Amino acid sequence: MKIPCEVVVWQVLPLIRRELARELVTAHGMTQAEVAKRFGVTDAAISQYLTQKRGGEYSSSRFYPQFIEEVRASAARIAEEDADFGKEVCYLCGVVKKIGFLAEIYQEKTGCPPPKCEEVFSRR
């Protein structure tokens, strides 16, 4: 059984990077090289995000519109306010969990309902 953290690493983080890269290039006019530098990855990785070779396809999810709203706000902070990329990714990861998107992705990828995190953290 996969744990939710594995789903975050293999599905959610690439999705966040892809959508941030797309927004920074298309809406904020940043080059792939500029985005790659901010992300700490290669230009080729950004190219793969932009051509949807990385990041999965979740645009049909009922959570996607709310997620994209938050991505747009984060991209604006990165582009216009020089916000820290890492902090924005952590924020977006929290959004994915909070709105139920992570649970949906987890169920889709594993065929099982996700474990309840509050049960895990409440144990001593």
N, C-alpha and C. Protein backbone atom coordinates (compact mmCIF):
# COMPACT_ATOMS: atom_id res chain seq x y z
N MET A 1 0.84 -1.19 0.00
CA MET A 1 0.00 0.00 0.00
C MET A 1 0.89 1.25 0.00
N LYS A 2 0.57 2.17 -0.86
CA LYS A 2 1.29 3.44 -0.89
C LYS A 2 0.80 4.32 0.25
N ILE A 3 1.73 5.07 0.80
CA ILE A 3 1.34 6.05 1.82
C ILE A 3 1.10 7.39 1.13
N PRO A 4 0.30 8.25 1.72
CA PRO A 4 -0.01 9.53 1.08
C PRO A 4 1.23 10.34 0.69
N CYS A 5 2.29 10.24 1.47
CA CYS A 5 3.50 11.00 1.15
C CYS A 5 4.08 10.58 -0.20
N GLU A 6 3.98 9.28 -0.54
CA GLU A 6 4.45 8.82 -1.85
C GLU A 6 3.62 9.43 -2.97
N VAL A 7 2.34 9.52 -2.76
CA VAL A 7 1.46 10.12 -3.77
C VAL A 7 1.79 11.60 -3.93
N VAL A 8 2.12 12.26 -2.84
CA VAL A 8 2.52 13.67 -2.93
C VAL A 8 3.77 13.79 -3.78
N VAL A 9 4.78 12.96 -3.50
CA VAL A 9 6.06 13.05 -4.22
C VAL A 9 5.90 12.73 -5.70
N TRP A 10 5.16 11.68 -6.02
CA TRP A 10 5.06 11.22 -7.40
C TRP A 10 3.95 11.88 -8.22
N GLN A 11 2.94 12.41 -7.58
CA GLN A 11 1.80 12.98 -8.31
C GLN A 11 1.59 14.47 -8.03
N VAL A 12 1.50 14.82 -6.75
CA VAL A 12 1.11 16.19 -6.38
C VAL A 12 2.21 17.21 -6.67
N LEU A 13 3.44 16.94 -6.25
CA LEU A 13 4.51 17.91 -6.50
C LEU A 13 4.74 18.16 -7.99
N PRO A 14 4.79 17.11 -8.83
CA PRO A 14 4.90 17.40 -10.27
C PRO A 14 3.71 18.20 -10.82
N LEU A 15 2.51 17.92 -10.31
CA LEU A 15 1.33 18.68 -10.73
C LEU A 15 1.48 20.15 -10.35
N ILE A 16 1.90 20.42 -9.13
CA ILE A 16 2.09 21.80 -8.68
C ILE A 16 3.15 22.49 -9.53
N ARG A 17 4.27 21.83 -9.74
CA ARG A 17 5.34 22.43 -10.55
C ARG A 17 4.86 22.72 -11.97
N ARG A 18 4.14 21.75 -12.55
CA ARG A 18 3.66 21.95 -13.92
C ARG A 18 2.75 23.16 -14.02
N GLU A 19 1.78 23.25 -13.12
CA GLU A 19 0.83 24.35 -13.20
C GLU A 19 1.48 25.69 -12.87
N LEU A 20 2.41 25.72 -11.92
CA LEU A 20 3.13 26.96 -11.65
C LEU A 20 3.97 27.37 -12.85
N ALA A 21 4.68 26.41 -13.46
CA ALA A 21 5.51 26.72 -14.63
C ALA A 21 4.65 27.27 -15.77
N ARG A 22 3.54 26.61 -16.02
CA ARG A 22 2.65 27.06 -17.10
C ARG A 22 2.16 28.49 -16.84
N GLU A 23 1.76 28.76 -15.62
CA GLU A 23 1.24 30.09 -15.27
C GLU A 23 2.34 31.15 -15.35
N LEU A 24 3.53 30.83 -14.87
CA LEU A 24 4.63 31.80 -14.90
C LEU A 24 5.05 32.14 -16.33
N VAL A 25 5.04 31.14 -17.21
CA VAL A 25 5.42 31.37 -18.61
C VAL A 25 4.31 32.08 -19.37
N THR A 26 3.08 31.58 -19.25
CA THR A 26 2.00 32.12 -20.08
C THR A 26 1.43 33.44 -19.55
N ALA A 27 1.24 33.54 -18.26
CA ALA A 27 0.58 34.73 -17.71
C ALA A 27 1.55 35.81 -17.27
N HIS A 28 2.78 35.41 -16.94
CA HIS A 28 3.72 36.38 -16.39
C HIS A 28 4.94 36.61 -17.28
N GLY A 29 4.98 35.95 -18.43
CA GLY A 29 6.01 36.20 -19.42
C GLY A 29 7.42 35.77 -19.04
N MET A 30 7.54 34.90 -18.06
CA MET A 30 8.87 34.42 -17.70
C MET A 30 9.34 33.40 -18.74
N THR A 31 10.65 33.33 -18.95
CA THR A 31 11.19 32.33 -19.87
C THR A 31 11.32 30.99 -19.14
N GLN A 32 11.47 29.94 -19.93
CA GLN A 32 11.67 28.62 -19.33
C GLN A 32 12.93 28.62 -18.47
N ALA A 33 13.97 29.31 -18.93
CA ALA A 33 15.23 29.38 -18.17
C ALA A 33 15.02 30.08 -16.82
N GLU A 34 14.24 31.15 -16.82
CA GLU A 34 13.97 31.87 -15.56
C GLU A 34 13.19 30.98 -14.59
N VAL A 35 12.20 30.29 -15.12
CA VAL A 35 11.39 29.41 -14.28
C VAL A 35 12.26 28.27 -13.75
N ALA A 36 13.10 27.69 -14.60
CA ALA A 36 13.98 26.60 -14.19
C ALA A 36 14.90 27.05 -13.05
N LYS A 37 15.42 28.25 -13.17
CA LYS A 37 16.31 28.77 -12.12
C LYS A 37 15.55 28.91 -10.80
N ARG A 38 14.35 29.47 -10.84
CA ARG A 38 13.53 29.62 -9.62
C ARG A 38 13.20 28.26 -9.01
N PHE A 39 12.92 27.27 -9.85
CA PHE A 39 12.52 25.95 -9.38
C PHE A 39 13.71 25.09 -8.96
N GLY A 40 14.91 25.46 -9.43
CA GLY A 40 16.09 24.65 -9.15
C GLY A 40 16.13 23.37 -9.96
N VAL A 41 15.60 23.45 -11.21
CA VAL A 41 15.60 22.29 -12.11
C VAL A 41 16.17 22.74 -13.46
N THR A 42 16.28 21.80 -14.39
CA THR A 42 16.81 22.13 -15.71
C THR A 42 15.74 22.74 -16.61
N ASP A 43 16.21 23.40 -17.67
CA ASP A 43 15.29 23.92 -18.68
C ASP A 43 14.47 22.77 -19.29
N ALA A 44 15.13 21.62 -19.46
CA ALA A 44 14.45 20.46 -20.04
C ALA A 44 13.28 20.00 -19.16
N ALA A 45 13.46 20.07 -17.85
CA ALA A 45 12.38 19.69 -16.94
C ALA A 45 11.19 20.62 -17.12
N ILE A 46 11.46 21.92 -17.23
CA ILE A 46 10.38 22.89 -17.43
C ILE A 46 9.69 22.61 -18.76
N SER A 47 10.46 22.29 -19.79
CA SER A 47 9.88 21.95 -21.08
C SER A 47 8.94 20.76 -20.95
N GLN A 48 9.33 19.76 -20.16
CA GLN A 48 8.47 18.60 -19.96
C GLN A 48 7.20 18.96 -19.20
N TYR A 49 7.31 19.86 -18.24
CA TYR A 49 6.10 20.32 -17.53
C TYR A 49 5.17 21.03 -18.51
N LEU A 50 5.73 21.89 -19.34
CA LEU A 50 4.90 22.69 -20.25
C LEU A 50 4.25 21.85 -21.35
N THR A 51 4.88 20.74 -21.72
CA THR A 51 4.29 19.86 -22.73
C THR A 51 3.51 18.71 -22.10
N GLN A 52 3.28 18.82 -20.80
CA GLN A 52 2.48 17.87 -20.02
C GLN A 52 3.04 16.45 -20.01
N LYS A 53 4.38 16.34 -20.11
CA LYS A 53 5.01 15.02 -19.98
C LYS A 53 5.25 14.69 -18.51
N ARG A 54 5.10 15.70 -17.65
CA ARG A 54 5.21 15.51 -16.20
C ARG A 54 4.01 16.17 -15.55
N GLY A 55 3.57 15.61 -14.45
CA GLY A 55 2.52 16.26 -13.67
C GLY A 55 1.15 15.65 -13.75
N GLY A 56 0.98 14.58 -14.51
CA GLY A 56 -0.33 13.93 -14.55
C GLY A 56 -1.42 14.81 -15.14
N GLU A 57 -2.59 14.25 -15.29
CA GLU A 57 -3.72 14.99 -15.86
C GLU A 57 -4.89 14.92 -14.89
N TYR A 58 -5.17 16.05 -14.29
CA TYR A 58 -6.23 16.10 -13.29
C TYR A 58 -7.23 17.23 -13.55
N SER A 59 -7.23 17.79 -14.75
CA SER A 59 -8.08 18.94 -15.02
C SER A 59 -9.57 18.61 -14.96
N SER A 60 -9.93 17.35 -15.01
CA SER A 60 -11.35 16.99 -14.92
C SER A 60 -11.83 16.82 -13.47
N SER A 61 -10.91 16.94 -12.53
CA SER A 61 -11.28 16.82 -11.12
C SER A 61 -12.17 17.98 -10.69
N ARG A 62 -13.09 17.70 -9.80
CA ARG A 62 -13.95 18.77 -9.27
C ARG A 62 -13.15 19.75 -8.41
N PHE A 63 -11.96 19.33 -7.96
CA PHE A 63 -11.11 20.19 -7.13
C PHE A 63 -10.17 21.08 -7.95
N TYR A 64 -10.04 20.75 -9.24
CA TYR A 64 -9.07 21.44 -10.08
C TYR A 64 -9.30 22.95 -10.17
N PRO A 65 -10.51 23.44 -10.37
CA PRO A 65 -10.70 24.90 -10.46
C PRO A 65 -10.23 25.65 -9.22
N GLN A 66 -10.53 25.12 -8.04
CA GLN A 66 -10.08 25.78 -6.81
C GLN A 66 -8.56 25.71 -6.69
N PHE A 67 -7.99 24.57 -7.06
CA PHE A 67 -6.54 24.41 -7.05
C PHE A 67 -5.87 25.42 -7.98
N ILE A 68 -6.40 25.55 -9.20
CA ILE A 68 -5.81 26.47 -10.18
C ILE A 68 -5.92 27.92 -9.71
N GLU A 69 -6.98 28.28 -9.05
CA GLU A 69 -7.10 29.63 -8.49
C GLU A 69 -5.94 29.92 -7.55
N GLU A 70 -5.63 28.97 -6.70
CA GLU A 70 -4.53 29.12 -5.75
C GLU A 70 -3.18 29.14 -6.47
N VAL A 71 -3.04 28.33 -7.52
CA VAL A 71 -1.80 28.32 -8.31
C VAL A 71 -1.58 29.69 -8.93
N ARG A 72 -2.63 30.27 -9.48
CA ARG A 72 -2.51 31.60 -10.11
C ARG A 72 -2.06 32.65 -9.10
N ALA A 73 -2.62 32.59 -7.90
CA ALA A 73 -2.22 33.54 -6.86
C ALA A 73 -0.77 33.32 -6.45
N SER A 74 -0.35 32.07 -6.32
CA SER A 74 1.04 31.78 -5.98
C SER A 74 1.99 32.22 -7.08
N ALA A 75 1.62 31.97 -8.32
CA ALA A 75 2.47 32.39 -9.45
C ALA A 75 2.62 33.90 -9.47
N ALA A 76 1.55 34.61 -9.19
CA ALA A 76 1.63 36.08 -9.14
C ALA A 76 2.58 36.53 -8.04
N ARG A 77 2.51 35.88 -6.88
CA ARG A 77 3.43 36.24 -5.80
C ARG A 77 4.88 35.96 -6.18
N ILE A 78 5.11 34.84 -6.87
CA ILE A 78 6.47 34.49 -7.29
C ILE A 78 6.98 35.49 -8.32
N ALA A 79 6.15 35.82 -9.30
CA ALA A 79 6.56 36.70 -10.39
C ALA A 79 6.64 38.16 -9.99
N GLU A 80 5.67 38.63 -9.23
CA GLU A 80 5.56 40.06 -8.95
C GLU A 80 6.17 40.48 -7.62
N GLU A 81 6.20 39.57 -6.67
CA GLU A 81 6.69 39.92 -5.34
C GLU A 81 7.97 39.17 -4.98
N ASP A 82 8.48 38.38 -5.93
CA ASP A 82 9.69 37.58 -5.71
C ASP A 82 9.53 36.66 -4.49
N ALA A 83 8.32 36.12 -4.34
CA ALA A 83 8.04 35.20 -3.22
C ALA A 83 8.91 33.95 -3.35
N ASP A 84 9.16 33.32 -2.23
CA ASP A 84 9.97 32.11 -2.19
C ASP A 84 9.21 30.94 -2.83
N PHE A 85 9.82 30.34 -3.84
CA PHE A 85 9.20 29.23 -4.56
C PHE A 85 8.86 28.08 -3.62
N GLY A 86 9.79 27.72 -2.75
CA GLY A 86 9.57 26.60 -1.83
C GLY A 86 8.38 26.81 -0.92
N LYS A 87 8.25 28.03 -0.41
CA LYS A 87 7.11 28.33 0.47
C LYS A 87 5.80 28.25 -0.29
N GLU A 88 5.80 28.72 -1.53
CA GLU A 88 4.58 28.65 -2.33
C GLU A 88 4.20 27.21 -2.64
N VAL A 89 5.19 26.37 -2.93
CA VAL A 89 4.90 24.95 -3.19
C VAL A 89 4.33 24.30 -1.93
N CYS A 90 4.92 24.58 -0.77
CA CYS A 90 4.41 24.02 0.49
C CYS A 90 2.97 24.48 0.74
N TYR A 91 2.71 25.76 0.47
CA TYR A 91 1.36 26.28 0.63
C TYR A 91 0.39 25.53 -0.29
N LEU A 92 0.76 25.37 -1.56
CA LEU A 92 -0.12 24.69 -2.51
C LEU A 92 -0.32 23.22 -2.15
N CYS A 93 0.70 22.59 -1.62
CA CYS A 93 0.56 21.20 -1.17
C CYS A 93 -0.47 21.13 -0.04
N GLY A 94 -0.44 22.10 0.85
CA GLY A 94 -1.44 22.17 1.91
C GLY A 94 -2.84 22.38 1.37
N VAL A 95 -2.95 23.21 0.34
CA VAL A 95 -4.25 23.45 -0.30
C VAL A 95 -4.78 22.14 -0.89
N VAL A 96 -3.91 21.40 -1.58
CA VAL A 96 -4.31 20.13 -2.20
C VAL A 96 -4.88 19.18 -1.14
N LYS A 97 -4.24 19.15 0.02
CA LYS A 97 -4.72 18.29 1.11
C LYS A 97 -6.03 18.83 1.68
N LYS A 98 -6.07 20.12 1.96
CA LYS A 98 -7.22 20.74 2.64
C LYS A 98 -8.52 20.62 1.84
N ILE A 99 -8.45 20.82 0.53
CA ILE A 99 -9.67 20.82 -0.27
C ILE A 99 -10.15 19.42 -0.66
N GLY A 100 -9.34 18.39 -0.36
CA GLY A 100 -9.74 17.03 -0.67
C GLY A 100 -9.14 16.48 -1.96
N PHE A 101 -8.33 17.27 -2.64
CA PHE A 101 -7.73 16.86 -3.91
C PHE A 101 -6.75 15.70 -3.68
N LEU A 102 -5.96 15.75 -2.61
CA LEU A 102 -5.02 14.67 -2.33
C LEU A 102 -5.77 13.35 -2.11
N ALA A 103 -6.85 13.38 -1.37
CA ALA A 103 -7.63 12.16 -1.13
C ALA A 103 -8.14 11.58 -2.45
N GLU A 104 -8.59 12.45 -3.34
CA GLU A 104 -9.08 11.99 -4.64
C GLU A 104 -7.95 11.36 -5.46
N ILE A 105 -6.80 12.03 -5.51
CA ILE A 105 -5.66 11.50 -6.26
C ILE A 105 -5.19 10.18 -5.65
N TYR A 106 -5.13 10.13 -4.33
CA TYR A 106 -4.71 8.90 -3.64
C TYR A 106 -5.63 7.74 -4.01
N GLN A 107 -6.92 7.98 -3.93
CA GLN A 107 -7.89 6.92 -4.24
C GLN A 107 -7.74 6.48 -5.70
N GLU A 108 -7.55 7.44 -6.60
CA GLU A 108 -7.40 7.11 -8.02
C GLU A 108 -6.16 6.26 -8.26
N LYS A 109 -5.07 6.60 -7.60
CA LYS A 109 -3.80 5.91 -7.84
C LYS A 109 -3.67 4.58 -7.11
N THR A 110 -4.35 4.43 -5.97
CA THR A 110 -4.18 3.21 -5.17
C THR A 110 -5.41 2.32 -5.15
N GLY A 111 -6.57 2.89 -5.46
CA GLY A 111 -7.81 2.12 -5.37
C GLY A 111 -8.32 1.98 -3.94
N CYS A 112 -7.67 2.68 -3.02
CA CYS A 112 -8.05 2.60 -1.60
C CYS A 112 -8.35 3.99 -1.07
N PRO A 113 -9.22 4.09 -0.08
CA PRO A 113 -9.41 5.40 0.55
C PRO A 113 -8.14 5.77 1.32
N PRO A 114 -7.81 7.05 1.38
CA PRO A 114 -6.59 7.44 2.08
C PRO A 114 -6.74 7.28 3.58
N PRO A 115 -5.61 7.03 4.26
CA PRO A 115 -5.68 6.99 5.73
C PRO A 115 -6.04 8.36 6.26
N LYS A 116 -6.69 8.39 7.39
CA LYS A 116 -7.06 9.67 8.00
C LYS A 116 -5.87 10.20 8.78
N CYS A 117 -5.32 11.31 8.32
CA CYS A 117 -4.12 11.88 8.93
C CYS A 117 -4.33 12.25 10.39
N GLU A 118 -5.53 12.74 10.71
CA GLU A 118 -5.76 13.15 12.10
C GLU A 118 -5.64 11.97 13.06
N GLU A 119 -5.98 10.77 12.60
CA GLU A 119 -5.81 9.58 13.44
C GLU A 119 -4.34 9.28 13.66
N VAL A 120 -3.54 9.47 12.63
CA VAL A 120 -2.11 9.22 12.73
C VAL A 120 -1.46 10.20 13.70
N PHE A 121 -1.79 11.49 13.57
CA PHE A 121 -1.14 12.51 14.38
C PHE A 121 -1.67 12.57 15.81
N SER A 122 -2.82 11.97 16.07
CA SER A 122 -3.36 12.04 17.43
C SER A 122 -2.81 10.93 18.32
N ARG A 123 -2.12 9.96 17.74
CA ARG A 123 -1.54 8.87 18.54
C ARG A 123 -0.34 9.37 19.31
N ARG A 124 -0.10 8.75 20.41
CA ARG A 124 1.08 9.12 21.22
C ARG A 124 2.00 7.96 21.33
